[in-house]
């Protein structure tokens, strides 16, 4: 008798090739009436107006795809993961039809709490900002249409979805379901690497075998997370490399980080002028208008007009530091609180004004550095069926050990100093820059 997991209509539709909607890149997403009911709610439709990569489109013009499209892609991956993992009897012991349906809902709604420019804002680590996963609770309130559809058409409680999205269910099934949604080889990463690469117009995130990796999925030894069989080892290594290069060449590309730094500085200064609860419910276009209004006649106005106005004008890189390139300076600035970076940049502007004999405004110089929180390590087990043993992937793969653990954050995320275009060349060529930066770091450290 078939397991109840395979009675889920969305799995059946994928098998039959019926009731599907197509998204890039030629993916046929199961679109049953109850999926359509979730997608048609105002809370989900809002994701059409929030871009996936935000400020990256200032550098990669095609990167204007939305959270809406990404959410459908993650949902598609969830269906494929369930279909594959359902072949594992140990998986079927802990994930029944209801839990499988909760996972599908969590996959479709995993970004429901996202606000425009969410990741740059979250990376600032400001005390009064909730993570976007927690903000999802607002859109899954008892009175929302989304919650009514979950209860009425899926027999799923909104709290069950939030348990998975926010990782607050610490039971073994809960940890397993969260690892599928957010872990080393999760359905989210499986989509965004491919989709971001496609829309940015670069090949880096698409050069791994997704089908082979999915076909190798199974449970880990503790049955509370994902593992892969040995046949998926090469595909996993290529996924690690794809992620590394996407961070290096897209997410932390120096020009993308310039735009991110300009936005972050403006938001940091303007935050007291914004009613954040309502601000986070706006569309991207509405949030830009709100920020521009708040910035009028302030030092932040030129920053935002250079990003969102009629003429793009990104700040220029004047210095860069990494763990292998002037590591002493890198260690002094990496993973510092954002307020420290602002204070240091303002002191640096004062030092440069004196050294250059020219006014350098407090927002003319920006410091960008890796945030305190590190990326999830690619810590996954690989199963060798002939021996019947699990081993950590990094123990059998020098690629994974080097790229996913030892080097990833410290090497791909660099400390950079950016300056207004009218000053950048003068600052970069000034023999006083290094001493001015050293003084700024020293004085900021003493004062905070």
Protein backbone atom coordinates (compact mmCIF):
# COMPACT_ATOMS: atom_id res chain seq x y z
CA UNK A 1 0.00 0.00 0.00
CA UNK A 2 1.48 3.40 -1.00
CA UNK A 3 2.62 5.65 1.85
CA UNK A 4 0.35 8.61 2.59
CA UNK A 5 3.16 10.96 1.52
CA UNK A 6 2.56 9.99 -2.10
CA UNK A 7 -1.11 10.95 -1.84
CA UNK A 8 -0.16 14.64 -1.71
CA UNK A 9 -1.83 16.15 -4.81
CA UNK A 10 1.19 18.30 -5.74
CA UNK A 11 3.44 15.22 -5.97
CA UNK A 12 0.86 13.49 -8.12
CA UNK A 13 0.55 16.51 -10.43
CA UNK A 14 4.31 16.64 -10.94
CA UNK A 15 4.33 12.93 -11.84
CA UNK A 16 1.38 13.27 -14.20
CA UNK A 17 2.51 16.52 -15.80
CA UNK A 18 -0.87 18.14 -15.15
CA UNK A 19 -1.94 21.33 -13.40
CA UNK A 20 1.41 23.04 -13.80
CA UNK A 21 2.66 26.62 -14.16
CA UNK A 22 5.99 27.35 -15.84
CA UNK A 23 8.71 29.59 -14.43
CA UNK A 24 12.29 30.20 -15.57
CA UNK A 25 14.28 28.14 -16.37
CA UNK A 26 11.72 25.77 -17.93
CA UNK A 27 10.47 24.53 -14.54
CA UNK A 28 6.94 23.12 -14.36
CA UNK A 29 5.61 23.94 -10.89
CA UNK A 30 2.60 21.96 -9.57
CA UNK A 31 -0.24 24.48 -9.40
CA UNK A 32 -3.21 22.78 -7.78
CA UNK A 33 -6.27 24.79 -6.73
CA UNK A 34 -5.00 25.00 -3.15
CA UNK A 35 -1.57 26.22 -4.29
CA UNK A 36 -3.30 28.82 -6.44
CA UNK A 37 -5.37 29.88 -3.42
CA UNK A 38 -2.19 30.63 -1.44
CA UNK A 39 -0.52 32.39 -4.35
CA UNK A 40 -3.56 34.59 -5.01
CA UNK A 41 -3.65 36.05 -1.48
CA UNK A 42 -2.56 39.69 -1.07
CA UNK A 43 0.18 38.58 1.33
CA UNK A 44 1.80 36.38 -1.32
CA UNK A 45 1.14 38.71 -4.26
CA UNK A 46 3.17 41.33 -2.36
CA UNK A 47 6.30 39.31 -3.23
CA UNK A 48 5.83 40.29 -6.89
CA UNK A 49 6.93 43.78 -5.87
CA UNK A 50 10.11 42.81 -3.99
CA UNK A 51 13.17 41.92 -6.05
CA UNK A 52 15.30 38.97 -5.07
CA UNK A 53 18.68 40.71 -5.29
CA UNK A 54 17.70 44.31 -4.60
CA UNK A 55 20.69 46.54 -5.27
CA UNK A 56 22.53 44.01 -7.45
CA UNK A 57 20.45 45.21 -10.39
CA UNK A 58 22.47 48.45 -10.29
CA UNK A 59 25.40 46.32 -11.49
CA UNK A 60 23.72 43.34 -13.18
CA UNK A 61 20.81 44.87 -15.15
CA UNK A 62 18.98 41.57 -15.60
CA UNK A 63 18.86 40.81 -11.88
CA UNK A 64 15.36 42.19 -11.40
CA UNK A 65 13.64 38.86 -10.67
CA UNK A 66 11.33 38.77 -7.67
CA UNK A 67 10.77 36.92 -4.41
CA UNK A 68 7.52 35.72 -6.00
CA UNK A 69 9.35 33.80 -8.70
CA UNK A 70 11.92 32.50 -6.22
CA UNK A 71 9.20 31.26 -3.83
CA UNK A 72 7.63 29.20 -6.62
CA UNK A 73 11.05 27.77 -7.44
CA UNK A 74 11.65 26.78 -3.81
CA UNK A 75 8.20 25.17 -3.69
CA UNK A 76 9.05 23.19 -6.83
CA UNK A 77 12.23 21.95 -5.17
CA UNK A 78 10.24 20.95 -2.07
CA UNK A 79 8.01 18.73 -4.19
CA UNK A 80 11.07 17.10 -5.78
CA UNK A 81 12.77 16.61 -2.41
CA UNK A 82 9.65 14.97 -0.95
CA UNK A 83 9.31 12.69 -3.95
CA UNK A 84 12.94 11.57 -3.61
CA UNK A 85 13.12 11.36 0.18
CA UNK A 86 9.85 9.46 0.26
CA UNK A 87 11.76 6.50 -1.17
CA UNK A 88 13.74 6.30 2.09
CA UNK A 89 11.77 4.21 4.63
CA UNK A 90 13.43 6.07 7.51
CA UNK A 91 12.09 9.36 6.11
CA UNK A 92 8.60 7.90 5.84
CA UNK A 93 8.77 6.91 9.51
CA UNK A 94 8.96 10.56 10.63
CA UNK A 95 7.33 12.54 7.79
CA UNK A 96 3.73 11.63 7.06
CA UNK A 97 1.36 13.29 4.63
CA UNK A 98 0.45 16.13 7.00
CA UNK A 99 4.06 17.02 7.78
CA UNK A 100 4.84 16.83 4.07
CA UNK A 101 2.07 19.33 3.38
CA UNK A 102 3.33 21.61 6.16
CA UNK A 103 6.75 21.52 4.49
CA UNK A 104 5.25 22.44 1.11
CA UNK A 105 3.45 25.41 2.66
CA UNK A 106 6.61 26.50 4.49
CA UNK A 107 8.58 26.26 1.23
CA UNK A 108 6.08 28.43 -0.66
CA UNK A 109 5.84 30.94 2.20
CA UNK A 110 9.43 30.91 3.47
CA UNK A 111 10.05 34.49 2.28
CA UNK A 112 6.60 35.87 3.16
CA UNK A 113 8.15 38.08 5.85
CA UNK A 114 10.73 39.63 3.52
CA UNK A 115 10.70 43.36 3.14
CA UNK A 116 12.47 45.33 0.39
CA UNK A 117 16.28 45.36 0.72
CA UNK A 118 15.87 42.92 3.59
CA UNK A 119 19.33 41.35 3.62
CA UNK A 120 21.33 44.62 3.60
CA UNK A 121 19.17 45.86 6.47
CA UNK A 122 19.42 42.62 8.45
CA UNK A 123 23.20 42.48 7.97
CA UNK A 124 23.48 45.76 9.89
CA UNK A 125 22.46 43.87 13.03
CA UNK A 126 20.45 46.75 14.48
CA UNK A 127 18.85 45.96 17.83
CA UNK A 128 15.26 46.92 17.07
CA UNK A 129 14.91 45.01 13.80
CA UNK A 130 13.33 41.53 13.86
CA UNK A 131 14.63 38.88 11.44
CA UNK A 132 12.40 38.62 8.37
CA UNK A 133 11.42 35.07 9.37
CA UNK A 134 9.87 36.44 12.57
CA UNK A 135 8.18 39.26 10.66
CA UNK A 136 6.37 36.49 8.74
CA UNK A 137 4.12 36.09 11.78
CA UNK A 138 2.49 39.41 10.89
CA UNK A 139 1.37 38.06 7.51
CA UNK A 140 0.24 34.78 9.08
CA UNK A 141 -1.95 36.39 11.72
CA UNK A 142 -5.30 34.78 12.53
CA UNK A 143 -7.24 37.35 10.53
CA UNK A 144 -5.16 37.19 7.32
CA UNK A 145 -6.52 35.62 4.16
CA UNK A 146 -3.34 33.56 3.97
CA UNK A 147 -4.11 31.93 7.32
CA UNK A 148 -7.70 31.20 6.27
CA UNK A 149 -6.47 29.43 3.13
CA UNK A 150 -3.95 27.40 5.10
CA UNK A 151 -6.59 26.19 7.53
CA UNK A 152 -9.44 25.78 5.08
CA UNK A 153 -7.72 24.23 2.05
CA UNK A 154 -4.56 22.66 3.48
CA UNK A 155 -5.69 21.73 7.01
CA UNK A 156 -2.45 23.38 8.16
CA UNK A 157 -2.18 25.77 11.08
CA UNK A 158 -0.17 28.98 10.49
CA UNK A 159 1.80 28.19 13.64
CA UNK A 160 3.01 24.95 12.04
CA UNK A 161 4.43 26.90 9.10
CA UNK A 162 6.11 29.40 11.43
CA UNK A 163 7.60 26.53 13.45
CA UNK A 164 9.52 25.42 10.35
CA UNK A 165 10.36 28.84 8.91
CA UNK A 166 11.72 30.15 12.22
CA UNK A 167 13.26 26.83 13.37
CA UNK A 168 11.38 26.90 16.66
CA UNK A 169 10.28 23.25 16.47
CA UNK A 170 13.22 21.41 18.04
CA UNK A 171 11.84 17.91 17.68
CA UNK A 172 13.66 15.53 15.33
CA UNK A 173 10.96 15.90 12.60
CA UNK A 174 11.04 19.68 13.09
CA UNK A 175 14.82 19.83 12.73
CA UNK A 176 14.62 17.62 9.66
CA UNK A 177 12.00 19.79 7.98
CA UNK A 178 13.94 22.98 8.78
CA UNK A 179 17.15 21.45 7.37
CA UNK A 180 15.29 20.84 4.10
CA UNK A 181 14.25 24.49 4.06
CA UNK A 182 17.46 26.01 5.43
CA UNK A 183 20.57 23.86 5.59
CA UNK A 184 23.67 22.95 3.62
CA UNK A 185 21.77 21.39 0.68
CA UNK A 186 18.41 23.06 1.13
CA UNK A 187 15.61 23.80 -1.31
CA UNK A 188 16.23 27.55 -0.95
CA UNK A 189 19.88 27.42 -1.98
CA UNK A 190 19.09 24.94 -4.74
CA UNK A 191 16.85 27.59 -6.31
CA UNK A 192 18.59 30.89 -5.66
CA UNK A 193 22.02 29.86 -6.92
CA UNK A 194 20.52 28.80 -10.24
CA UNK A 195 17.95 31.62 -10.52
CA UNK A 196 20.26 34.45 -9.44
CA UNK A 197 22.91 33.23 -11.85
CA UNK A 198 20.41 33.04 -14.70
CA UNK A 199 19.05 36.55 -14.21
CA UNK A 200 22.43 38.13 -13.46
CA UNK A 201 23.68 36.70 -16.75
CA UNK A 202 26.58 34.75 -15.26
CA UNK A 203 27.21 30.97 -15.43
CA UNK A 204 28.65 30.45 -11.95
CA UNK A 205 25.56 29.36 -9.99
CA UNK A 206 24.31 26.94 -12.62
CA UNK A 207 27.36 24.72 -12.97
CA UNK A 208 26.34 21.88 -10.71
CA UNK A 209 24.13 18.85 -11.27
CA UNK A 210 20.93 19.58 -9.36
CA UNK A 211 19.16 16.42 -10.51
CA UNK A 212 22.04 14.22 -9.45
CA UNK A 213 22.18 15.92 -6.08
CA UNK A 214 18.45 15.48 -5.48
CA UNK A 215 18.62 11.84 -6.54
CA UNK A 216 21.29 11.25 -3.88
CA UNK A 217 19.27 12.71 -0.97
CA UNK A 218 18.62 10.62 2.13
CA UNK A 219 18.45 11.04 5.89
CA UNK A 220 21.50 11.58 8.06
CA UNK A 221 22.52 9.11 10.73
CA UNK A 222 20.48 10.83 13.48
CA UNK A 223 17.41 11.13 11.21
CA UNK A 224 17.11 14.84 11.99
CA UNK A 225 18.69 16.29 8.84
CA UNK A 226 19.70 15.64 5.27
CA UNK A 227 22.63 13.61 3.98
CA UNK A 228 23.63 12.46 0.53
CA UNK A 229 24.76 9.13 -0.82
CA UNK A 230 28.26 8.77 -2.23
CA UNK A 231 26.95 9.09 -5.78
CA UNK A 232 26.13 12.74 -5.07
CA UNK A 233 29.60 13.67 -3.80
CA UNK A 234 30.79 15.39 -6.99
CA UNK A 235 27.50 17.26 -7.42
CA UNK A 236 27.77 18.51 -3.81
CA UNK A 237 31.35 19.67 -4.37
CA UNK A 238 30.27 21.60 -7.46
CA UNK A 239 27.41 23.19 -5.51
CA UNK A 240 29.90 24.36 -2.87
CA UNK A 241 32.07 25.88 -5.59
CA UNK A 242 29.04 27.49 -7.28
CA UNK A 243 28.05 29.15 -4.01
CA UNK A 244 31.58 30.35 -3.39
CA UNK A 245 31.88 31.94 -6.83
CA UNK A 246 28.39 33.51 -6.69
CA UNK A 247 29.34 35.26 -3.47
CA UNK A 248 32.65 36.35 -4.93
CA UNK A 249 31.37 37.54 -8.31
CA UNK A 250 27.78 38.64 -7.63
CA UNK A 251 26.64 38.99 -4.02
CA UNK A 252 29.96 40.48 -2.81
CA UNK A 253 31.10 42.00 -6.12
CA UNK A 254 32.76 45.29 -5.24
CA UNK A 255 30.27 47.44 -7.17
CA UNK A 256 27.30 45.61 -5.63
CA UNK A 257 28.83 46.19 -2.22
CA UNK A 258 29.31 49.87 -3.06
CA UNK A 259 25.58 50.22 -3.73
CA UNK A 260 24.83 48.18 -0.60
CA UNK A 261 27.07 50.42 1.52
CA UNK A 262 25.40 53.56 0.21
CA UNK A 263 21.96 52.18 0.98
CA UNK A 264 22.98 50.89 4.42
CA UNK A 265 24.45 54.24 5.48
CA UNK A 266 21.33 56.09 4.37
CA UNK A 267 19.03 53.65 6.15
CA UNK A 268 21.12 53.82 9.33
CA UNK A 269 20.77 57.61 9.49
CA UNK A 270 17.14 57.75 8.37
CA UNK A 271 15.81 54.96 10.55
CA UNK A 272 14.56 57.31 13.33
CA UNK A 273 12.44 59.12 10.72
CA UNK A 274 10.69 55.91 9.60
CA UNK A 275 7.82 54.02 11.19
CA UNK A 276 9.45 50.64 10.64
CA UNK A 277 6.41 48.40 11.08
CA UNK A 278 4.58 50.10 8.21
CA UNK A 279 7.80 50.63 6.21
CA UNK A 280 8.47 46.89 6.12
CA UNK A 281 5.03 46.25 4.61
CA UNK A 282 5.65 48.47 1.58
CA UNK A 283 6.51 47.37 -1.93
CA UNK A 284 10.01 48.06 -3.14
CA UNK A 285 8.94 51.08 -5.18
CA UNK A 286 6.96 52.46 -2.23
CA UNK A 287 9.89 51.97 0.16
CA UNK A 288 12.22 53.86 -2.18
CA UNK A 289 9.75 56.76 -2.32
CA UNK A 290 9.45 56.73 1.47
CA UNK A 291 13.24 56.78 1.89
CA UNK A 292 13.70 59.61 -0.62
CA UNK A 293 11.05 61.66 1.18
CA UNK A 294 12.72 61.05 4.55
CA UNK A 295 16.13 61.97 3.12
CA UNK A 296 15.10 65.32 1.69
CA UNK A 297 17.51 68.08 2.77
CA UNK A 298 19.73 65.66 4.71
CA UNK A 299 23.24 64.35 4.10
CA UNK A 300 21.66 61.09 2.91
CA UNK A 301 19.76 62.64 0.02
CA UNK A 302 22.72 62.45 -2.42
CA UNK A 303 23.34 58.79 -1.46
CA UNK A 304 19.80 57.73 -2.29
CA UNK A 305 19.51 59.89 -5.41
CA UNK A 306 22.72 58.30 -6.70
CA UNK A 307 21.12 54.87 -6.24
CA UNK A 308 17.52 55.49 -7.23
CA UNK A 309 17.53 58.77 -9.15
CA UNK A 310 17.73 59.45 -12.87
CA UNK A 311 21.54 59.21 -12.93
CA UNK A 312 23.30 56.27 -11.30
CA UNK A 313 26.50 57.27 -9.51
CA UNK A 314 28.05 54.57 -7.33
CA UNK A 315 30.84 55.26 -4.89
CA UNK A 316 34.28 54.05 -5.98
CA UNK A 317 36.50 51.56 -4.22
CA UNK A 318 39.60 53.18 -2.78
CA UNK A 319 40.94 50.31 -0.66
CA UNK A 320 40.33 46.62 -0.09
CA UNK A 321 41.49 44.26 2.65
CA UNK A 322 41.13 40.51 3.10
CA UNK A 323 42.61 37.73 5.18
CA UNK A 324 45.42 37.41 2.64
CA UNK A 325 45.63 41.09 1.64
CA UNK A 326 46.66 43.30 4.58
CA UNK A 327 45.10 40.89 7.13
CA UNK A 328 45.87 43.17 10.09
CA UNK A 329 43.46 45.85 8.86
CA UNK A 330 40.93 43.22 7.84
CA UNK A 331 40.82 41.76 11.35
CA UNK A 332 40.36 45.22 12.88
CA UNK A 333 37.24 45.97 10.81
CA UNK A 334 35.62 42.64 9.90
CA UNK A 335 32.57 41.57 11.96
CA UNK A 336 32.37 44.86 13.84
CA UNK A 337 28.95 46.31 14.76
CA UNK A 338 27.58 48.54 12.03
CA UNK A 339 27.55 51.56 14.32
CA UNK A 340 31.30 51.14 14.79
CA UNK A 341 31.85 51.16 11.00
CA UNK A 342 29.83 54.38 10.67
CA UNK A 343 31.77 56.09 13.45
CA UNK A 344 35.06 54.92 11.96
CA UNK A 345 34.11 56.19 8.49
CA UNK A 346 33.12 59.58 9.91
CA UNK A 347 36.45 59.86 11.73
CA UNK A 348 38.24 58.81 8.56
CA UNK A 349 36.42 61.59 6.66
CA UNK A 350 37.68 64.12 9.21
CA UNK A 351 41.24 62.81 8.93
CA UNK A 352 41.13 62.92 5.14
CA UNK A 353 39.73 66.46 5.14
CA UNK A 354 42.77 67.61 7.09
CA UNK A 355 45.22 65.59 5.00
CA UNK A 356 43.83 66.62 1.61
CA UNK A 357 43.00 70.20 2.47
CA UNK A 358 39.54 69.65 1.03
CA UNK A 359 36.17 69.10 2.66
CA UNK A 360 35.24 65.43 2.95
CA UNK A 361 31.68 65.14 4.24
CA UNK A 362 30.73 62.53 6.80
CA UNK A 363 28.88 60.50 4.15
CA UNK A 364 31.57 60.87 1.46
CA UNK A 365 33.51 57.88 2.81
CA UNK A 366 31.94 54.50 3.63
CA UNK A 367 33.41 51.35 5.16
CA UNK A 368 31.96 47.99 4.14
CA UNK A 369 32.89 44.88 6.11
CA UNK A 370 31.68 41.30 6.65
CA UNK A 371 28.82 41.27 9.19
CA UNK A 372 29.14 39.42 12.50
CA UNK A 373 26.96 36.48 11.45
CA UNK A 374 28.69 33.94 9.22
CA UNK A 375 27.13 31.97 6.39
CA UNK A 376 25.89 28.43 7.08
CA UNK A 377 28.76 25.99 6.74
CA UNK A 378 28.42 23.17 4.23
CA UNK A 379 28.35 20.59 7.00
CA UNK A 380 26.66 17.49 5.59
CA UNK A 381 27.16 13.76 5.89
CA UNK A 382 27.83 11.46 2.98
CA UNK A 383 26.69 7.82 3.14
CA UNK A 384 28.81 5.02 1.75
CA UNK A 385 26.39 2.11 1.20
CA UNK A 386 29.02 -0.60 0.64
CA UNK A 387 30.51 0.11 4.07
CA UNK A 388 27.24 1.21 5.67
CA UNK A 389 28.88 4.28 7.21
CA UNK A 390 28.35 8.05 7.24
CA UNK A 391 31.28 10.43 7.00
CA UNK A 392 31.38 14.25 7.01
CA UNK A 393 31.68 15.44 3.43
CA UNK A 394 34.56 17.75 4.29
CA UNK A 395 36.55 14.76 5.58
CA UNK A 396 36.48 13.11 2.15
CA UNK A 397 36.57 16.27 0.03
CA UNK A 398 39.42 18.80 0.12
CA UNK A 399 37.25 21.07 -2.06
CA UNK A 400 34.55 21.28 0.60
CA UNK A 401 37.05 21.65 3.44
CA UNK A 402 38.74 24.57 1.68
CA UNK A 403 35.78 26.43 0.19
CA UNK A 404 32.92 25.78 2.59
CA UNK A 405 34.67 25.94 5.93
CA UNK A 406 38.22 27.33 6.04
CA UNK A 407 37.97 30.05 3.41
CA UNK A 408 34.39 30.97 2.68
CA UNK A 409 33.52 33.99 4.82
CA UNK A 410 37.06 35.15 5.49
CA UNK A 411 38.10 35.12 1.84
CA UNK A 412 35.01 35.89 -0.22
CA UNK A 413 33.77 38.73 2.01
CA UNK A 414 36.27 41.57 2.09
CA UNK A 415 36.65 44.85 3.91
CA UNK A 416 36.38 47.76 1.49
CA UNK A 417 36.50 51.53 1.71
CA UNK A 418 34.38 53.43 -0.80
CA UNK A 419 34.38 57.15 -1.55
CA UNK A 420 32.32 59.66 -3.49
CA UNK A 421 33.38 59.66 -7.18
CA UNK A 422 34.66 63.25 -6.99
CA UNK A 423 37.08 62.25 -4.22
CA UNK A 424 37.91 58.60 -4.86
CA UNK A 425 40.98 59.00 -7.07
CA UNK A 426 42.42 61.74 -4.88
CA UNK A 427 41.98 59.62 -1.75
CA UNK A 428 43.32 56.45 -3.34
CA UNK A 429 46.41 58.22 -4.63
CA UNK A 430 47.03 60.09 -1.42
CA UNK A 431 50.00 58.89 0.55
CA UNK A 432 48.11 59.81 3.69
CA UNK A 433 45.25 57.33 3.32
CA UNK A 434 46.82 54.44 5.25
CA UNK A 435 47.77 56.61 8.22
CA UNK A 436 44.36 58.33 8.21
CA UNK A 437 42.61 54.95 8.31
CA UNK A 438 44.88 53.69 11.09
CA UNK A 439 44.14 56.80 13.14
CA UNK A 440 40.40 56.49 12.51
CA UNK A 441 40.38 52.86 13.66
CA UNK A 442 42.41 53.68 16.75
CA UNK A 443 40.32 56.69 17.76
CA UNK A 444 37.02 54.86 17.13
CA UNK A 445 38.13 51.85 19.15
CA UNK A 446 39.07 54.09 22.07
CA UNK A 447 35.82 56.05 22.01
CA UNK A 448 33.36 53.14 21.72
